[in-house]
Amino acid sequence: KQELKEDIDIISLASFLASSMEGAIMASRVSNDNIHHQYFIEQIKYHLFSYSK
């Protein structure tokens, strides 16, 4: 079980995640290529890990 650091702005992080996901979905649809979705997943894993305790 991993937790986020206490100093993380959860609202800002949630907004970033939602916006990034929407952007990845839109880019994938426009380009007919799911690579943008894969990029999103890779980066989100990296960012969330960096925010963990």
PDB file of N, CA and C in Angstrom:
ATOM      1  N   LYS A   1       0.849  -1.184   0.000  1.00  0.00           N
ATOM      2  CA  LYS A   1       0.000   0.000   0.000  1.00  0.00           C
ATOM      3  C   LYS A   1       0.887   1.237   0.000  1.00  0.00           C
ATOM      4  N   GLN A   2       0.722   2.072  -1.024  1.00  0.00           N
ATOM      5  CA  GLN A   2       1.486   3.313  -1.092  1.00  0.00           C
ATOM      6  C   GLN A   2       0.554   4.497  -0.877  1.00  0.00           C
ATOM      7  N   GLU A   3       1.091   5.517  -0.254  1.00  0.00           N
ATOM      8  CA  GLU A   3       0.336   6.737  -0.009  1.00  0.00           C
ATOM      9  C   GLU A   3       1.075   7.902  -0.637  1.00  0.00           C
ATOM     10  N   LEU A   4       0.328   8.984  -0.884  1.00  0.00           N
ATOM     11  CA  LEU A   4       0.936  10.188  -1.432  1.00  0.00           C
ATOM     12  C   LEU A   4       1.531  11.029  -0.314  1.00  0.00           C
ATOM     13  N   LYS A   5       2.523  11.813  -0.668  1.00  0.00           N
ATOM     14  CA  LYS A   5       3.120  12.737   0.292  1.00  0.00           C
ATOM     15  C   LYS A   5       2.056  13.716   0.784  1.00  0.00           C
ATOM     16  N   GLU A   6       2.229  14.205   2.007  1.00  0.00           N
ATOM     17  CA  GLU A   6       1.235  15.092   2.609  1.00  0.00           C
ATOM     18  C   GLU A   6       1.140  16.452   1.922  1.00  0.00           C
ATOM     19  N   ASP A   7       2.223  16.911   1.310  1.00  0.00           N
ATOM     20  CA  ASP A   7       2.227  18.255   0.732  1.00  0.00           C
ATOM     21  C   ASP A   7       1.696  18.309  -0.700  1.00  0.00           C
ATOM     22  N   ILE A   8       1.133  17.222  -1.194  1.00  0.00           N
ATOM     23  CA  ILE A   8       0.584  17.191  -2.546  1.00  0.00           C
ATOM     24  C   ILE A   8      -0.757  17.918  -2.567  1.00  0.00           C
ATOM     25  N   ASP A   9      -0.941  18.783  -3.563  1.00  0.00           N
ATOM     26  CA  ASP A   9      -2.226  19.453  -3.772  1.00  0.00           C
ATOM     27  C   ASP A   9      -3.118  18.477  -4.546  1.00  0.00           C
ATOM     28  N   ILE A  10      -3.978  17.783  -3.847  1.00  0.00           N
ATOM     29  CA  ILE A  10      -4.789  16.711  -4.426  1.00  0.00           C
ATOM     30  C   ILE A  10      -5.722  17.230  -5.518  1.00  0.00           C
ATOM     31  N   ILE A  11      -6.326  18.392  -5.304  1.00  0.00           N
ATOM     32  CA  ILE A  11      -7.241  18.961  -6.302  1.00  0.00           C
ATOM     33  C   ILE A  11      -6.487  19.266  -7.591  1.00  0.00           C
ATOM     34  N   SER A  12      -5.327  19.864  -7.470  1.00  0.00           N
ATOM     35  CA  SER A  12      -4.509  20.172  -8.640  1.00  0.00           C
ATOM     36  C   SER A  12      -4.067  18.896  -9.348  1.00  0.00           C
ATOM     37  N   LEU A  13      -3.658  17.901  -8.585  1.00  0.00           N
ATOM     38  CA  LEU A  13      -3.235  16.628  -9.166  1.00  0.00           C
ATOM     39  C   LEU A  13      -4.395  15.958  -9.898  1.00  0.00           C
ATOM     40  N   ALA A  14      -5.569  15.967  -9.296  1.00  0.00           N
ATOM     41  CA  ALA A  14      -6.746  15.370  -9.933  1.00  0.00           C
ATOM     42  C   ALA A  14      -7.085  16.086 -11.235  1.00  0.00           C
ATOM     43  N   SER A  15      -7.001  17.403 -11.236  1.00  0.00           N
ATOM     44  CA  SER A  15      -7.258  18.183 -12.442  1.00  0.00           C
ATOM     45  C   SER A  15      -6.241  17.853 -13.527  1.00  0.00           C
ATOM     46  N   PHE A  16      -4.983  17.761 -13.144  1.00  0.00           N
ATOM     47  CA  PHE A  16      -3.920  17.402 -14.087  1.00  0.00           C
ATOM     48  C   PHE A  16      -4.158  16.019 -14.690  1.00  0.00           C
ATOM     49  N   LEU A  17      -4.506  15.055 -13.844  1.00  0.00           N
ATOM     50  CA  LEU A  17      -4.743  13.693 -14.334  1.00  0.00           C
ATOM     51  C   LEU A  17      -5.922  13.644 -15.301  1.00  0.00           C
ATOM     52  N   ALA A  18      -7.011  14.300 -14.936  1.00  0.00           N
ATOM     53  CA  ALA A  18      -8.197  14.303 -15.794  1.00  0.00           C
ATOM     54  C   ALA A  18      -7.915  15.002 -17.119  1.00  0.00           C
ATOM     55  N   SER A  19      -7.240  16.141 -17.066  1.00  0.00           N
ATOM     56  CA  SER A  19      -6.917  16.884 -18.285  1.00  0.00           C
ATOM     57  C   SER A  19      -5.970  16.100 -19.179  1.00  0.00           C
ATOM     58  N   SER A  20      -4.997  15.464 -18.581  1.00  0.00           N
ATOM     59  CA  SER A  20      -4.043  14.660 -19.347  1.00  0.00           C
ATOM     60  C   SER A  20      -4.731  13.473 -20.005  1.00  0.00           C
ATOM     61  N   MET A  21      -5.632  12.843 -19.272  1.00  0.00           N
ATOM     62  CA  MET A  21      -6.349  11.698 -19.829  1.00  0.00           C
ATOM     63  C   MET A  21      -7.231  12.138 -20.997  1.00  0.00           C
ATOM     64  N   GLU A  22      -7.936  13.243 -20.832  1.00  0.00           N
ATOM     65  CA  GLU A  22      -8.776  13.762 -21.911  1.00  0.00           C
ATOM     66  C   GLU A  22      -7.935  14.110 -23.141  1.00  0.00           C
ATOM     67  N   GLY A  23      -6.774  14.719 -22.911  1.00  0.00           N
ATOM     68  CA  GLY A  23      -5.886  15.053 -24.024  1.00  0.00           C
ATOM     69  C   GLY A  23      -5.383  13.816 -24.745  1.00  0.00           C
ATOM     70  N   ALA A  24      -5.045  12.787 -23.994  1.00  0.00           N
ATOM     71  CA  ALA A  24      -4.570  11.536 -24.597  1.00  0.00           C
ATOM     72  C   ALA A  24      -5.677  10.877 -25.415  1.00  0.00           C
ATOM     73  N   ILE A  25      -6.891  10.905 -24.894  1.00  0.00           N
ATOM     74  CA  ILE A  25      -8.028  10.331 -25.624  1.00  0.00           C
ATOM     75  C   ILE A  25      -8.256  11.096 -26.917  1.00  0.00           C
ATOM     76  N   MET A  26      -8.245  12.429 -26.839  1.00  0.00           N
ATOM     77  CA  MET A  26      -8.466  13.244 -28.028  1.00  0.00           C
ATOM     78  C   MET A  26      -7.365  13.026 -29.064  1.00  0.00           C
ATOM     79  N   ALA A  27      -6.107  13.016 -28.625  1.00  0.00           N
ATOM     80  CA  ALA A  27      -4.992  12.813 -29.551  1.00  0.00           C
ATOM     81  C   ALA A  27      -5.067  11.435 -30.201  1.00  0.00           C
ATOM     82  N   SER A  28      -5.466  10.438 -29.443  1.00  0.00           N
ATOM     83  CA  SER A  28      -5.597   9.086 -29.996  1.00  0.00           C
ATOM     84  C   SER A  28      -6.701   9.026 -31.042  1.00  0.00           C
ATOM     85  N   ARG A  29      -7.803   9.692 -30.782  1.00  0.00           N
ATOM     86  CA  ARG A  29      -8.911   9.697 -31.748  1.00  0.00           C
ATOM     87  C   ARG A  29      -8.534  10.444 -33.021  1.00  0.00           C
ATOM     88  N   VAL A  30      -7.908  11.597 -32.873  1.00  0.00           N
ATOM     89  CA  VAL A  30      -7.536  12.408 -34.037  1.00  0.00           C
ATOM     90  C   VAL A  30      -6.523  11.679 -34.912  1.00  0.00           C
ATOM     91  N   SER A  31      -5.571  11.011 -34.283  1.00  0.00           N
ATOM     92  CA  SER A  31      -4.505  10.348 -35.039  1.00  0.00           C
ATOM     93  C   SER A  31      -4.816   8.890 -35.383  1.00  0.00           C
ATOM     94  N   ASN A  32      -5.935   8.376 -34.869  1.00  0.00           N
ATOM     95  CA  ASN A  32      -6.259   6.951 -35.045  1.00  0.00           C
ATOM     96  C   ASN A  32      -5.112   6.056 -34.593  1.00  0.00           C
ATOM     97  N   ASP A  33      -4.494   6.437 -33.492  1.00  0.00           N
ATOM     98  CA  ASP A  33      -3.348   5.691 -32.965  1.00  0.00           C
ATOM     99  C   ASP A  33      -3.395   5.748 -31.442  1.00  0.00           C
ATOM    100  N   ASN A  34      -3.420   4.596 -30.811  1.00  0.00           N
ATOM    101  CA  ASN A  34      -3.502   4.544 -29.349  1.00  0.00           C
ATOM    102  C   ASN A  34      -2.173   4.801 -28.651  1.00  0.00           C
ATOM    103  N   ILE A  35      -1.136   5.151 -29.386  1.00  0.00           N
ATOM    104  CA  ILE A  35       0.168   5.393 -28.763  1.00  0.00           C
ATOM    105  C   ILE A  35       0.080   6.521 -27.735  1.00  0.00           C
ATOM    106  N   HIS A  36      -0.781   7.494 -27.975  1.00  0.00           N
ATOM    107  CA  HIS A  36      -0.923   8.615 -27.040  1.00  0.00           C
ATOM    108  C   HIS A  36      -1.474   8.128 -25.700  1.00  0.00           C
ATOM    109  N   HIS A  37      -2.346   7.162 -25.758  1.00  0.00           N
ATOM    110  CA  HIS A  37      -2.876   6.565 -24.530  1.00  0.00           C
ATOM    111  C   HIS A  37      -1.759   5.846 -23.782  1.00  0.00           C
ATOM    112  N   GLN A  38      -0.911   5.148 -24.500  1.00  0.00           N
ATOM    113  CA  GLN A  38       0.212   4.450 -23.878  1.00  0.00           C
ATOM    114  C   GLN A  38       1.196   5.441 -23.253  1.00  0.00           C
ATOM    115  N   TYR A  39       1.463   6.555 -23.954  1.00  0.00           N
ATOM    116  CA  TYR A  39       2.335   7.595 -23.389  1.00  0.00           C
ATOM    117  C   TYR A  39       1.757   8.120 -22.079  1.00  0.00           C
ATOM    118  N   PHE A  40       0.442   8.360 -22.080  1.00  0.00           N
ATOM    119  CA  PHE A  40      -0.237   8.854 -20.883  1.00  0.00           C
ATOM    120  C   PHE A  40      -0.039   7.884 -19.718  1.00  0.00           C
ATOM    121  N   ILE A  41      -0.275   6.608 -19.956  1.00  0.00           N
ATOM    122  CA  ILE A  41      -0.140   5.596 -18.903  1.00  0.00           C
ATOM    123  C   ILE A  41       1.286   5.572 -18.361  1.00  0.00           C
ATOM    124  N   GLU A  42       2.271   5.587 -19.249  1.00  0.00           N
ATOM    125  CA  GLU A  42       3.677   5.566 -18.821  1.00  0.00           C
ATOM    126  C   GLU A  42       4.010   6.774 -17.949  1.00  0.00           C
ATOM    127  N   GLN A  43       3.590   7.951 -18.380  1.00  0.00           N
ATOM    128  CA  GLN A  43       3.915   9.172 -17.651  1.00  0.00           C
ATOM    129  C   GLN A  43       3.172   9.267 -16.321  1.00  0.00           C
ATOM    130  N   ILE A  44       1.924   8.843 -16.300  1.00  0.00           N
ATOM    131  CA  ILE A  44       1.156   8.890 -15.057  1.00  0.00           C
ATOM    132  C   ILE A  44       1.775   7.967 -14.015  1.00  0.00           C
ATOM    133  N   LYS A  45       2.190   6.782 -14.438  1.00  0.00           N
ATOM    134  CA  LYS A  45       2.866   5.872 -13.500  1.00  0.00           C
ATOM    135  C   LYS A  45       4.105   6.537 -12.918  1.00  0.00           C
ATOM    136  N   TYR A  46       4.892   7.181 -13.769  1.00  0.00           N
ATOM    137  CA  TYR A  46       6.113   7.851 -13.322  1.00  0.00           C
ATOM    138  C   TYR A  46       5.787   8.969 -12.333  1.00  0.00           C
ATOM    139  N   HIS A  47       4.827   9.818 -12.684  1.00  0.00           N
ATOM    140  CA  HIS A  47       4.483  10.960 -11.832  1.00  0.00           C
ATOM    141  C   HIS A  47       3.898  10.517 -10.494  1.00  0.00           C
ATOM    142  N   LEU A  48       2.979   9.576 -10.526  1.00  0.00           N
ATOM    143  CA  LEU A  48       2.379   9.129  -9.267  1.00  0.00           C
ATOM    144  C   LEU A  48       3.416   8.465  -8.368  1.00  0.00           C
ATOM    145  N   PHE A  49       4.329   7.720  -8.953  1.00  0.00           N
ATOM    146  CA  PHE A  49       5.386   7.107  -8.154  1.00  0.00           C
ATOM    147  C   PHE A  49       6.256   8.191  -7.511  1.00  0.00           C
ATOM    148  N   SER A  50       6.511   9.277  -8.243  1.00  0.00           N
ATOM    149  CA  SER A  50       7.349  10.349  -7.695  1.00  0.00           C
ATOM    150  C   SER A  50       6.649  11.098  -6.559  1.00  0.00           C
ATOM    151  N   TYR A  51       5.319  11.030  -6.499  1.00  0.00           N
ATOM    152  CA  TYR A  51       4.556  11.683  -5.438  1.00  0.00           C
ATOM    153  C   TYR A  51       4.346  10.784  -4.227  1.00  0.00           C
ATOM    154  N   SER A  52       4.736   9.521  -4.333  1.00  0.00           N
ATOM    155  CA  SER A  52       4.479   8.600  -3.227  1.00  0.00           C
ATOM    156  C   SER A  52       5.524   8.751  -2.134  1.00  0.00           C
ATOM    157  N   LYS A  53       5.157   8.312  -0.933  1.00  0.00           N
ATOM    158  CA  LYS A  53       6.056   8.404   0.222  1.00  0.00           C
ATOM    159  C   LYS A  53       7.203   7.437   0.066  1.00  0.00           C
TER     160      LYS A  53
END
